[in-house]
Amino acid sequence: MCGFYEDLEKGVTLYRAGEQGRFWYAVLGGCLEVRYHAAAADTDGKKRLYEIAYSA
């Protein structure tokens, strides 16, 4: 098992629906948002499903 630290910019997509994830992530600071992007069903096609925020 190997691990590394990665500082990601805001708005980076980690996984897309249907993709098989190869990594797992631990949120050490900031927040993580889970969103679903539908076809033009909604006004902008985006729906926030969950948000995880971390603060020390």
PDB file of N, CA and C in Angstrom:
ATOM      1  N   MET A   1       0.845  -1.175   0.000  1.00  0.00           N
ATOM      2  CA  MET A   1       0.000   0.000   0.000  1.00  0.00           C
ATOM      3  C   MET A   1       0.890   1.237   0.000  1.00  0.00           C
ATOM      4  N   CYS A   2       0.542   2.194  -0.805  1.00  0.00           N
ATOM      5  CA  CYS A   2       1.339   3.405  -0.939  1.00  0.00           C
ATOM      6  C   CYS A   2       0.424   4.613  -0.793  1.00  0.00           C
ATOM      7  N   GLY A   3       0.889   5.640  -0.127  1.00  0.00           N
ATOM      8  CA  GLY A   3       0.086   6.845   0.024  1.00  0.00           C
ATOM      9  C   GLY A   3       0.911   8.076  -0.288  1.00  0.00           C
ATOM     10  N   PHE A   4       0.231   9.159  -0.617  1.00  0.00           N
ATOM     11  CA  PHE A   4       0.913  10.412  -0.881  1.00  0.00           C
ATOM     12  C   PHE A   4      -0.036  11.561  -0.583  1.00  0.00           C
ATOM     13  N   TYR A   5       0.523  12.739  -0.364  1.00  0.00           N
ATOM     14  CA  TYR A   5      -0.236  13.951  -0.087  1.00  0.00           C
ATOM     15  C   TYR A   5      -0.395  14.726  -1.386  1.00  0.00           C
ATOM     16  N   GLU A   6      -1.608  15.192  -1.636  1.00  0.00           N
ATOM     17  CA  GLU A   6      -1.864  15.972  -2.844  1.00  0.00           C
ATOM     18  C   GLU A   6      -2.740  17.162  -2.477  1.00  0.00           C
ATOM     19  N   ASP A   7      -2.304  18.355  -2.808  1.00  0.00           N
ATOM     20  CA  ASP A   7      -3.063  19.581  -2.559  1.00  0.00           C
ATOM     21  C   ASP A   7      -3.820  19.914  -3.840  1.00  0.00           C
ATOM     22  N   LEU A   8      -5.147  19.817  -3.799  1.00  0.00           N
ATOM     23  CA  LEU A   8      -5.957  20.008  -5.004  1.00  0.00           C
ATOM     24  C   LEU A   8      -6.574  21.396  -5.057  1.00  0.00           C
ATOM     25  N   GLU A   9      -6.702  21.921  -6.247  1.00  0.00           N
ATOM     26  CA  GLU A   9      -7.346  23.212  -6.466  1.00  0.00           C
ATOM     27  C   GLU A   9      -8.865  23.061  -6.383  1.00  0.00           C
ATOM     28  N   LYS A  10      -9.546  24.142  -6.098  1.00  0.00           N
ATOM     29  CA  LYS A  10     -11.003  24.157  -6.056  1.00  0.00           C
ATOM     30  C   LYS A  10     -11.572  23.756  -7.420  1.00  0.00           C
ATOM     31  N   GLY A  11     -12.611  22.917  -7.398  1.00  0.00           N
ATOM     32  CA  GLY A  11     -13.294  22.534  -8.626  1.00  0.00           C
ATOM     33  C   GLY A  11     -12.759  21.290  -9.323  1.00  0.00           C
ATOM     34  N   VAL A  12     -11.737  20.659  -8.770  1.00  0.00           N
ATOM     35  CA  VAL A  12     -11.168  19.456  -9.381  1.00  0.00           C
ATOM     36  C   VAL A  12     -12.159  18.300  -9.250  1.00  0.00           C
ATOM     37  N   THR A  13     -12.360  17.552 -10.328  1.00  0.00           N
ATOM     38  CA  THR A  13     -13.228  16.375 -10.310  1.00  0.00           C
ATOM     39  C   THR A  13     -12.390  15.151  -9.970  1.00  0.00           C
ATOM     40  N   LEU A  14     -12.787  14.432  -8.913  1.00  0.00           N
ATOM     41  CA  LEU A  14     -12.061  13.232  -8.509  1.00  0.00           C
ATOM     42  C   LEU A  14     -12.585  11.987  -9.214  1.00  0.00           C
ATOM     43  N   TYR A  15     -13.905  11.884  -9.307  1.00  0.00           N
ATOM     44  CA  TYR A  15     -14.548  10.734  -9.953  1.00  0.00           C
ATOM     45  C   TYR A  15     -15.744  11.220 -10.749  1.00  0.00           C
ATOM     46  N   ARG A  16     -16.089  10.483 -11.778  1.00  0.00           N
ATOM     47  CA  ARG A  16     -17.314  10.736 -12.544  1.00  0.00           C
ATOM     48  C   ARG A  16     -18.205   9.505 -12.425  1.00  0.00           C
ATOM     49  N   ALA A  17     -19.509   9.706 -12.522  1.00  0.00           N
ATOM     50  CA  ALA A  17     -20.463   8.598 -12.438  1.00  0.00           C
ATOM     51  C   ALA A  17     -20.110   7.533 -13.462  1.00  0.00           C
ATOM     52  N   GLY A  18     -20.078   6.296 -13.025  1.00  0.00           N
ATOM     53  CA  GLY A  18     -19.773   5.187 -13.914  1.00  0.00           C
ATOM     54  C   GLY A  18     -18.303   4.806 -13.963  1.00  0.00           C
ATOM     55  N   GLU A  19     -17.418   5.691 -13.500  1.00  0.00           N
ATOM     56  CA  GLU A  19     -15.991   5.374 -13.475  1.00  0.00           C
ATOM     57  C   GLU A  19     -15.678   4.506 -12.258  1.00  0.00           C
ATOM     58  N   GLN A  20     -14.713   3.636 -12.410  1.00  0.00           N
ATOM     59  CA  GLN A  20     -14.266   2.830 -11.291  1.00  0.00           C
ATOM     60  C   GLN A  20     -13.136   3.582 -10.597  1.00  0.00           C
ATOM     61  N   GLY A  21     -13.322   3.868  -9.309  1.00  0.00           N
ATOM     62  CA  GLY A  21     -12.300   4.594  -8.562  1.00  0.00           C
ATOM     63  C   GLY A  21     -11.089   3.715  -8.276  1.00  0.00           C
ATOM     64  N   ARG A  22      -9.903   4.285  -8.388  1.00  0.00           N
ATOM     65  CA  ARG A  22      -8.673   3.547  -8.106  1.00  0.00           C
ATOM     66  C   ARG A  22      -7.997   4.049  -6.838  1.00  0.00           C
ATOM     67  N   PHE A  23      -8.444   5.180  -6.318  1.00  0.00           N
ATOM     68  CA  PHE A  23      -7.818   5.787  -5.153  1.00  0.00           C
ATOM     69  C   PHE A  23      -8.884   6.150  -4.131  1.00  0.00           C
ATOM     70  N   TRP A  24      -8.467   6.420  -2.914  1.00  0.00           N
ATOM     71  CA  TRP A  24      -9.366   6.986  -1.916  1.00  0.00           C
ATOM     72  C   TRP A  24      -8.710   8.260  -1.403  1.00  0.00           C
ATOM     73  N   TYR A  25      -9.521   9.149  -0.878  1.00  0.00           N
ATOM     74  CA  TYR A  25      -9.044  10.459  -0.444  1.00  0.00           C
ATOM     75  C   TYR A  25      -9.468  10.724   0.990  1.00  0.00           C
ATOM     76  N   ALA A  26      -8.614  11.378   1.757  1.00  0.00           N
ATOM     77  CA  ALA A  26      -8.925  11.860   3.101  1.00  0.00           C
ATOM     78  C   ALA A  26      -8.916  13.381   3.030  1.00  0.00           C
ATOM     79  N   VAL A  27      -9.971  14.013   3.508  1.00  0.00           N
ATOM     80  CA  VAL A  27     -10.061  15.476   3.499  1.00  0.00           C
ATOM     81  C   VAL A  27      -9.371  15.992   4.757  1.00  0.00           C
ATOM     82  N   LEU A  28      -8.234  16.673   4.590  1.00  0.00           N
ATOM     83  CA  LEU A  28      -7.469  17.198   5.715  1.00  0.00           C
ATOM     84  C   LEU A  28      -7.778  18.658   5.981  1.00  0.00           C
ATOM     85  N   GLY A  29      -8.408  19.320   5.041  1.00  0.00           N
ATOM     86  CA  GLY A  29      -8.778  20.717   5.193  1.00  0.00           C
ATOM     87  C   GLY A  29      -9.654  21.141   4.034  1.00  0.00           C
ATOM     88  N   GLY A  30     -10.481  22.138   4.254  1.00  0.00           N
ATOM     89  CA  GLY A  30     -11.365  22.611   3.191  1.00  0.00           C
ATOM     90  C   GLY A  30     -12.653  21.819   3.156  1.00  0.00           C
ATOM     91  N   CYS A  31     -13.196  21.602   1.970  1.00  0.00           N
ATOM     92  CA  CYS A  31     -14.448  20.847   1.874  1.00  0.00           C
ATOM     93  C   CYS A  31     -14.476  20.006   0.607  1.00  0.00           C
ATOM     94  N   LEU A  32     -15.339  19.019   0.636  1.00  0.00           N
ATOM     95  CA  LEU A  32     -15.549  18.111  -0.484  1.00  0.00           C
ATOM     96  C   LEU A  32     -17.027  18.147  -0.815  1.00  0.00           C
ATOM     97  N   GLU A  33     -17.345  18.322  -2.070  1.00  0.00           N
ATOM     98  CA  GLU A  33     -18.739  18.407  -2.498  1.00  0.00           C
ATOM     99  C   GLU A  33     -19.031  17.287  -3.489  1.00  0.00           C
ATOM    100  N   VAL A  34     -20.140  16.584  -3.263  1.00  0.00           N
ATOM    101  CA  VAL A  34     -20.585  15.525  -4.171  1.00  0.00           C
ATOM    102  C   VAL A  34     -21.727  16.094  -4.987  1.00  0.00           C
ATOM    103  N   ARG A  35     -21.551  16.110  -6.316  1.00  0.00           N
ATOM    104  CA  ARG A  35     -22.580  16.680  -7.197  1.00  0.00           C
ATOM    105  C   ARG A  35     -22.969  15.690  -8.276  1.00  0.00           C
ATOM    106  N   TYR A  36     -24.198  15.833  -8.723  1.00  0.00           N
ATOM    107  CA  TYR A  36     -24.714  15.034  -9.828  1.00  0.00           C
ATOM    108  C   TYR A  36     -25.048  15.987 -10.962  1.00  0.00           C
ATOM    109  N   HIS A  37     -24.538  15.708 -12.139  1.00  0.00           N
ATOM    110  CA  HIS A  37     -24.813  16.533 -13.316  1.00  0.00           C
ATOM    111  C   HIS A  37     -25.781  15.779 -14.215  1.00  0.00           C
ATOM    112  N   ALA A  38     -27.004  16.262 -14.294  1.00  0.00           N
ATOM    113  CA  ALA A  38     -28.023  15.632 -15.139  1.00  0.00           C
ATOM    114  C   ALA A  38     -28.000  16.259 -16.528  1.00  0.00           C
ATOM    115  N   ALA A  39     -28.675  15.614 -17.459  1.00  0.00           N
ATOM    116  CA  ALA A  39     -28.857  16.223 -18.790  1.00  0.00           C
ATOM    117  C   ALA A  39     -29.655  17.503 -18.548  1.00  0.00           C
ATOM    118  N   ALA A  40     -30.239  18.163 -19.389  1.00  0.00           N
ATOM    119  CA  ALA A  40     -30.884  19.456 -19.146  1.00  0.00           C
ATOM    120  C   ALA A  40     -32.168  19.348 -18.319  1.00  0.00           C
ATOM    121  N   ALA A  41     -32.244  18.412 -17.382  1.00  0.00           N
ATOM    122  CA  ALA A  41     -33.443  18.225 -16.552  1.00  0.00           C
ATOM    123  C   ALA A  41     -33.667  19.409 -15.609  1.00  0.00           C
ATOM    124  N   ASP A  42     -32.609  19.890 -14.991  1.00  0.00           N
ATOM    125  CA  ASP A  42     -32.708  21.047 -14.102  1.00  0.00           C
ATOM    126  C   ASP A  42     -32.354  22.302 -14.893  1.00  0.00           C
ATOM    127  N   THR A  43     -32.449  23.441 -14.234  1.00  0.00           N
ATOM    128  CA  THR A  43     -32.123  24.684 -14.927  1.00  0.00           C
ATOM    129  C   THR A  43     -30.671  24.703 -15.387  1.00  0.00           C
ATOM    130  N   ASP A  44     -29.756  24.262 -14.519  1.00  0.00           N
ATOM    131  CA  ASP A  44     -28.348  24.231 -14.929  1.00  0.00           C
ATOM    132  C   ASP A  44     -27.805  22.808 -15.010  1.00  0.00           C
ATOM    133  N   GLY A  45     -28.646  21.805 -14.707  1.00  0.00           N
ATOM    134  CA  GLY A  45     -28.223  20.415 -14.808  1.00  0.00           C
ATOM    135  C   GLY A  45     -27.371  19.918 -13.662  1.00  0.00           C
ATOM    136  N   LYS A  46     -27.166  20.729 -12.600  1.00  0.00           N
ATOM    137  CA  LYS A  46     -26.311  20.345 -11.483  1.00  0.00           C
ATOM    138  C   LYS A  46     -27.134  20.211 -10.205  1.00  0.00           C
ATOM    139  N   LYS A  47     -26.808  19.212  -9.398  1.00  0.00           N
ATOM    140  CA  LYS A  47     -27.483  19.037  -8.121  1.00  0.00           C
ATOM    141  C   LYS A  47     -26.450  18.619  -7.085  1.00  0.00           C
ATOM    142  N   ARG A  48     -26.365  19.372  -5.978  1.00  0.00           N
ATOM    143  CA  ARG A  48     -25.437  19.018  -4.908  1.00  0.00           C
ATOM    144  C   ARG A  48     -26.083  17.944  -4.053  1.00  0.00           C
ATOM    145  N   LEU A  49     -25.411  16.815  -3.896  1.00  0.00           N
ATOM    146  CA  LEU A  49     -25.934  15.712  -3.111  1.00  0.00           C
ATOM    147  C   LEU A  49     -25.433  15.741  -1.678  1.00  0.00           C
ATOM    148  N   TYR A  50     -24.176  16.160  -1.478  1.00  0.00           N
ATOM    149  CA  TYR A  50     -23.589  16.099  -0.143  1.00  0.00           C
ATOM    150  C   TYR A  50     -22.383  17.025  -0.078  1.00  0.00           C
ATOM    151  N   GLU A  51     -22.111  17.553   1.100  1.00  0.00           N
ATOM    152  CA  GLU A  51     -20.920  18.380   1.299  1.00  0.00           C
ATOM    153  C   GLU A  51     -20.279  18.015   2.618  1.00  0.00           C
ATOM    154  N   ILE A  52     -18.966  17.829   2.600  1.00  0.00           N
ATOM    155  CA  ILE A  52     -18.184  17.532   3.797  1.00  0.00           C
ATOM    156  C   ILE A  52     -17.210  18.687   3.985  1.00  0.00           C
ATOM    157  N   ALA A  53     -17.251  19.316   5.145  1.00  0.00           N
ATOM    158  CA  ALA A  53     -16.332  20.428   5.420  1.00  0.00           C
ATOM    159  C   ALA A  53     -15.455  20.075   6.617  1.00  0.00           C
ATOM    160  N   TYR A  54     -14.201  20.469   6.552  1.00  0.00           N
ATOM    161  CA  TYR A  54     -13.262  20.221   7.636  1.00  0.00           C
ATOM    162  C   TYR A  54     -12.651  21.547   8.057  1.00  0.00           C
ATOM    163  N   SER A  55     -12.642  21.779   9.348  1.00  0.00           N
ATOM    164  CA  SER A  55     -11.943  22.960   9.868  1.00  0.00           C
ATOM    165  C   SER A  55     -11.278  22.585  11.179  1.00  0.00           C
ATOM    166  N   ALA A  56     -10.087  23.099  11.390  1.00  0.00           N
ATOM    167  CA  ALA A  56      -9.319  22.769  12.597  1.00  0.00           C
ATOM    168  C   ALA A  56      -9.701  23.651  13.750  1.00  0.00           C
TER     169      ALA A  56
END
